[in-house]
Amino acid sequence: MLPVLPDLRLDLPAPDVGRPVEVATLLADRTRAGILALLRGGPHCVCELAAALGERQNNVSNHLARLRQAGLVRAVRGSVDSRRVYYERDEEACRAALATLAGLLR
């Protein structure tokens, strides 16, 4: 016996998926995902991140700029050497990004 299917619903409203797509696009890059994973363990400078990821420092800096613009990471000056900039995750912003993606996939 075939299941009874509902009538066609051609008036469904289009969902607003703009923000989840933005977050997914940002995180879909291997280098940016790697940076966020490394920063989970605490702050790191560009040279440390570049060495761990096998990337050039200027490439990592460009990716950090995108993550900073999105609010997922922030820059802090080192307490011992104030010339060096360290990057850390904004955990609240990361939780919000995760919630954005989860809202789409629930």
N, C-alpha and C. Protein backbone atom coordinates (compact mmCIF):
# COMPACT_ATOMS: atom_id res chain seq x y z
N MET A 1 0.83 -1.17 0.00
CA MET A 1 0.00 0.00 0.00
C MET A 1 0.88 1.25 0.00
N LEU A 2 0.58 2.21 -0.85
CA LEU A 2 1.35 3.45 -0.96
C LEU A 2 0.96 4.41 0.15
N PRO A 3 1.94 5.18 0.67
CA PRO A 3 1.61 6.16 1.71
C PRO A 3 0.78 7.30 1.12
N VAL A 4 -0.02 7.89 1.95
CA VAL A 4 -0.83 9.04 1.53
C VAL A 4 0.04 10.29 1.67
N LEU A 5 0.23 10.98 0.56
CA LEU A 5 1.05 12.19 0.57
C LEU A 5 0.15 13.42 0.69
N PRO A 6 0.66 14.47 1.33
CA PRO A 6 -0.15 15.69 1.47
C PRO A 6 -0.27 16.39 0.12
N ASP A 7 -1.24 17.26 0.03
CA ASP A 7 -1.38 18.08 -1.17
C ASP A 7 -0.14 18.95 -1.33
N LEU A 8 0.12 19.36 -2.56
CA LEU A 8 1.26 20.24 -2.81
C LEU A 8 1.08 21.55 -2.07
N ARG A 9 2.18 22.00 -1.46
CA ARG A 9 2.16 23.27 -0.72
C ARG A 9 3.11 24.23 -1.43
N LEU A 10 2.60 24.94 -2.39
CA LEU A 10 3.43 25.83 -3.19
C LEU A 10 3.55 27.23 -2.60
N ASP A 11 3.00 27.45 -1.45
CA ASP A 11 3.06 28.76 -0.82
C ASP A 11 3.95 28.78 0.42
N LEU A 12 4.89 27.84 0.50
CA LEU A 12 5.80 27.80 1.65
C LEU A 12 6.69 29.05 1.64
N PRO A 13 6.89 29.67 2.79
CA PRO A 13 7.79 30.84 2.84
C PRO A 13 9.24 30.37 2.76
N ALA A 14 10.06 31.14 2.07
CA ALA A 14 11.48 30.82 1.97
C ALA A 14 12.15 31.08 3.32
N PRO A 15 12.95 30.14 3.82
CA PRO A 15 13.62 30.36 5.11
C PRO A 15 14.76 31.36 4.98
N ASP A 16 15.03 32.07 6.05
CA ASP A 16 16.16 33.00 6.07
C ASP A 16 17.39 32.23 6.53
N VAL A 17 18.24 31.88 5.59
CA VAL A 17 19.44 31.11 5.90
C VAL A 17 20.71 31.92 5.69
N GLY A 18 20.57 33.23 5.57
CA GLY A 18 21.72 34.09 5.30
C GLY A 18 22.83 33.96 6.33
N ARG A 19 22.49 34.09 7.60
CA ARG A 19 23.51 34.04 8.66
C ARG A 19 24.15 32.65 8.76
N PRO A 20 23.38 31.56 8.76
CA PRO A 20 24.04 30.25 8.80
C PRO A 20 24.97 30.02 7.60
N VAL A 21 24.61 30.51 6.44
CA VAL A 21 25.47 30.34 5.26
C VAL A 21 26.75 31.15 5.43
N GLU A 22 26.65 32.36 5.99
CA GLU A 22 27.84 33.17 6.25
C GLU A 22 28.79 32.45 7.20
N VAL A 23 28.24 31.92 8.28
CA VAL A 23 29.07 31.21 9.27
C VAL A 23 29.69 29.97 8.64
N ALA A 24 28.91 29.20 7.92
CA ALA A 24 29.42 27.98 7.30
C ALA A 24 30.51 28.29 6.28
N THR A 25 30.33 29.34 5.51
CA THR A 25 31.34 29.74 4.52
C THR A 25 32.64 30.14 5.20
N LEU A 26 32.52 30.89 6.28
CA LEU A 26 33.71 31.31 7.02
C LEU A 26 34.47 30.11 7.58
N LEU A 27 33.75 29.15 8.12
CA LEU A 27 34.37 28.00 8.77
C LEU A 27 34.78 26.90 7.79
N ALA A 28 34.33 26.99 6.55
CA ALA A 28 34.61 25.93 5.58
C ALA A 28 36.05 25.97 5.07
N ASP A 29 36.79 27.01 5.39
CA ASP A 29 38.18 27.10 4.97
C ASP A 29 39.07 26.33 5.95
N ARG A 30 39.94 25.49 5.41
CA ARG A 30 40.79 24.63 6.24
C ARG A 30 41.70 25.44 7.17
N THR A 31 42.26 26.53 6.68
CA THR A 31 43.16 27.33 7.51
C THR A 31 42.40 28.01 8.64
N ARG A 32 41.25 28.61 8.33
CA ARG A 32 40.48 29.27 9.40
C ARG A 32 39.98 28.26 10.42
N ALA A 33 39.55 27.10 9.96
CA ALA A 33 39.11 26.05 10.90
C ALA A 33 40.28 25.61 11.77
N GLY A 34 41.46 25.48 11.17
CA GLY A 34 42.65 25.10 11.93
C GLY A 34 43.03 26.14 12.97
N ILE A 35 42.92 27.41 12.58
CA ILE A 35 43.22 28.49 13.53
C ILE A 35 42.28 28.41 14.73
N LEU A 36 40.99 28.26 14.48
CA LEU A 36 40.04 28.17 15.59
C LEU A 36 40.31 26.95 16.47
N ALA A 37 40.70 25.84 15.85
CA ALA A 37 41.01 24.64 16.63
C ALA A 37 42.24 24.86 17.50
N LEU A 38 43.27 25.50 16.95
CA LEU A 38 44.48 25.77 17.73
C LEU A 38 44.22 26.75 18.87
N LEU A 39 43.38 27.75 18.60
CA LEU A 39 43.10 28.75 19.63
C LEU A 39 42.22 28.22 20.74
N ARG A 40 41.64 27.05 20.54
CA ARG A 40 40.86 26.41 21.60
C ARG A 40 41.76 26.15 22.81
N GLY A 41 43.06 25.95 22.56
CA GLY A 41 44.00 25.68 23.65
C GLY A 41 44.58 26.92 24.30
N GLY A 42 44.18 28.10 23.83
CA GLY A 42 44.68 29.34 24.41
C GLY A 42 45.27 30.25 23.35
N PRO A 43 45.72 31.43 23.74
CA PRO A 43 46.23 32.42 22.80
C PRO A 43 47.52 31.96 22.11
N HIS A 44 47.67 32.39 20.86
CA HIS A 44 48.89 32.12 20.07
C HIS A 44 49.18 33.32 19.19
N CYS A 45 50.45 33.50 18.89
CA CYS A 45 50.84 34.55 17.96
C CYS A 45 50.80 33.99 16.53
N VAL A 46 50.90 34.89 15.55
CA VAL A 46 50.82 34.49 14.15
C VAL A 46 51.91 33.48 13.81
N CYS A 47 53.13 33.71 14.31
CA CYS A 47 54.23 32.81 13.96
C CYS A 47 53.98 31.39 14.48
N GLU A 48 53.39 31.26 15.65
CA GLU A 48 53.07 29.93 16.18
C GLU A 48 51.98 29.25 15.34
N LEU A 49 50.95 30.02 15.00
CA LEU A 49 49.86 29.47 14.20
C LEU A 49 50.36 29.05 12.82
N ALA A 50 51.18 29.89 12.21
CA ALA A 50 51.70 29.60 10.87
C ALA A 50 52.55 28.33 10.90
N ALA A 51 53.40 28.20 11.91
CA ALA A 51 54.25 27.01 12.01
C ALA A 51 53.41 25.75 12.19
N ALA A 52 52.40 25.82 13.04
CA ALA A 52 51.56 24.65 13.31
C ALA A 52 50.76 24.25 12.07
N LEU A 53 50.35 25.23 11.28
CA LEU A 53 49.51 24.94 10.12
C LEU A 53 50.30 24.75 8.83
N GLY A 54 51.61 25.00 8.87
CA GLY A 54 52.43 24.88 7.67
C GLY A 54 52.07 25.94 6.63
N GLU A 55 51.72 27.12 7.11
CA GLU A 55 51.31 28.22 6.23
C GLU A 55 52.27 29.39 6.39
N ARG A 56 52.26 30.30 5.43
CA ARG A 56 53.04 31.53 5.55
C ARG A 56 52.33 32.46 6.53
N GLN A 57 53.13 33.25 7.24
CA GLN A 57 52.56 34.14 8.25
C GLN A 57 51.58 35.14 7.66
N ASN A 58 51.87 35.68 6.46
CA ASN A 58 50.95 36.66 5.88
C ASN A 58 49.62 36.01 5.51
N ASN A 59 49.64 34.73 5.13
CA ASN A 59 48.40 34.02 4.82
C ASN A 59 47.58 33.83 6.10
N VAL A 60 48.24 33.44 7.17
CA VAL A 60 47.55 33.26 8.45
C VAL A 60 47.00 34.60 8.93
N SER A 61 47.76 35.67 8.76
CA SER A 61 47.28 37.01 9.15
C SER A 61 46.02 37.39 8.40
N ASN A 62 45.97 37.08 7.12
CA ASN A 62 44.77 37.37 6.33
C ASN A 62 43.56 36.59 6.84
N HIS A 63 43.76 35.33 7.18
CA HIS A 63 42.67 34.53 7.71
C HIS A 63 42.25 35.02 9.09
N LEU A 64 43.21 35.43 9.91
CA LEU A 64 42.89 35.99 11.22
C LEU A 64 42.07 37.27 11.07
N ALA A 65 42.37 38.06 10.07
CA ALA A 65 41.60 39.28 9.83
C ALA A 65 40.13 38.95 9.55
N ARG A 66 39.89 37.92 8.77
CA ARG A 66 38.51 37.50 8.48
C ARG A 66 37.82 37.02 9.76
N LEU A 67 38.54 36.26 10.57
CA LEU A 67 37.96 35.76 11.82
C LEU A 67 37.71 36.89 12.80
N ARG A 68 38.61 37.88 12.82
CA ARG A 68 38.41 39.05 13.69
C ARG A 68 37.21 39.85 13.24
N GLN A 69 37.09 40.04 11.93
CA GLN A 69 35.96 40.79 11.39
C GLN A 69 34.63 40.12 11.75
N ALA A 70 34.63 38.80 11.76
CA ALA A 70 33.43 38.05 12.14
C ALA A 70 33.22 38.02 13.64
N GLY A 71 34.22 38.48 14.41
CA GLY A 71 34.10 38.52 15.86
C GLY A 71 34.44 37.22 16.57
N LEU A 72 34.98 36.24 15.83
CA LEU A 72 35.28 34.94 16.44
C LEU A 72 36.62 34.93 17.18
N VAL A 73 37.54 35.81 16.80
CA VAL A 73 38.82 35.92 17.51
C VAL A 73 39.09 37.39 17.80
N ARG A 74 39.98 37.61 18.77
CA ARG A 74 40.39 38.98 19.09
C ARG A 74 41.90 38.99 19.33
N ALA A 75 42.49 40.15 19.14
CA ALA A 75 43.93 40.32 19.33
C ALA A 75 44.20 40.91 20.70
N VAL A 76 45.23 40.40 21.36
CA VAL A 76 45.66 40.94 22.65
C VAL A 76 47.17 41.08 22.62
N ARG A 77 47.68 42.10 23.28
CA ARG A 77 49.13 42.31 23.37
C ARG A 77 49.71 41.39 24.44
N GLY A 78 50.91 40.89 24.17
CA GLY A 78 51.58 40.05 25.15
C GLY A 78 51.96 40.85 26.38
N SER A 79 51.89 40.21 27.54
CA SER A 79 52.21 40.92 28.79
C SER A 79 53.72 41.09 28.96
N VAL A 80 54.51 40.14 28.47
CA VAL A 80 55.96 40.21 28.59
C VAL A 80 56.55 41.04 27.45
N ASP A 81 56.12 40.74 26.23
CA ASP A 81 56.62 41.44 25.05
C ASP A 81 55.43 42.12 24.39
N SER A 82 55.26 43.41 24.66
CA SER A 82 54.08 44.11 24.16
C SER A 82 54.14 44.35 22.65
N ARG A 83 55.27 44.04 22.02
CA ARG A 83 55.35 44.18 20.57
C ARG A 83 54.65 43.03 19.87
N ARG A 84 54.51 41.91 20.54
CA ARG A 84 53.91 40.73 19.93
C ARG A 84 52.41 40.70 20.20
N VAL A 85 51.65 40.40 19.14
CA VAL A 85 50.20 40.31 19.24
C VAL A 85 49.81 38.84 19.31
N TYR A 86 48.98 38.52 20.26
CA TYR A 86 48.46 37.16 20.39
C TYR A 86 46.98 37.18 20.04
N TYR A 87 46.51 36.07 19.54
CA TYR A 87 45.11 35.94 19.17
C TYR A 87 44.46 34.89 20.04
N GLU A 88 43.22 35.18 20.42
CA GLU A 88 42.46 34.25 21.23
C GLU A 88 41.04 34.18 20.70
N ARG A 89 40.40 33.07 20.98
CA ARG A 89 39.00 32.91 20.55
C ARG A 89 38.10 33.73 21.45
N ASP A 90 37.05 34.25 20.85
CA ASP A 90 35.97 34.85 21.63
C ASP A 90 34.97 33.71 21.82
N GLU A 91 35.01 33.09 22.96
CA GLU A 91 34.22 31.88 23.20
C GLU A 91 32.72 32.14 23.10
N GLU A 92 32.28 33.30 23.54
CA GLU A 92 30.86 33.62 23.43
C GLU A 92 30.44 33.71 21.96
N ALA A 93 31.26 34.35 21.14
CA ALA A 93 30.96 34.46 19.71
C ALA A 93 31.01 33.09 19.03
N CYS A 94 31.94 32.24 19.46
CA CYS A 94 32.01 30.87 18.89
C CYS A 94 30.77 30.07 19.25
N ARG A 95 30.30 30.22 20.49
CA ARG A 95 29.05 29.54 20.89
C ARG A 95 27.87 30.04 20.08
N ALA A 96 27.82 31.35 19.81
CA ALA A 96 26.74 31.91 19.01
C ALA A 96 26.79 31.39 17.57
N ALA A 97 28.00 31.27 17.02
CA ALA A 97 28.15 30.74 15.66
C ALA A 97 27.68 29.28 15.62
N LEU A 98 28.05 28.53 16.64
CA LEU A 98 27.60 27.12 16.72
C LEU A 98 26.09 27.04 16.82
N ALA A 99 25.50 27.92 17.61
CA ALA A 99 24.03 27.93 17.75
C ALA A 99 23.36 28.29 16.43
N THR A 100 23.99 29.18 15.68
CA THR A 100 23.45 29.57 14.37
C THR A 100 23.40 28.35 13.45
N LEU A 101 24.49 27.60 13.42
CA LEU A 101 24.53 26.39 12.57
C LEU A 101 23.58 25.34 13.09
N ALA A 102 23.52 25.18 14.40
CA ALA A 102 22.63 24.18 14.98
C ALA A 102 21.17 24.50 14.68
N GLY A 103 20.84 25.79 14.67
CA GLY A 103 19.47 26.19 14.37
C GLY A 103 19.06 25.78 12.97
N LEU A 104 19.98 25.74 12.07
CA LEU A 104 19.70 25.33 10.69
C LEU A 104 19.55 23.82 10.59
N LEU A 105 20.31 23.10 11.37
CA LEU A 105 20.37 21.64 11.24
C LEU A 105 19.41 20.90 12.17
N ARG A 106 18.74 21.59 13.06
CA ARG A 106 17.79 20.92 13.95
C ARG A 106 16.55 20.53 13.23
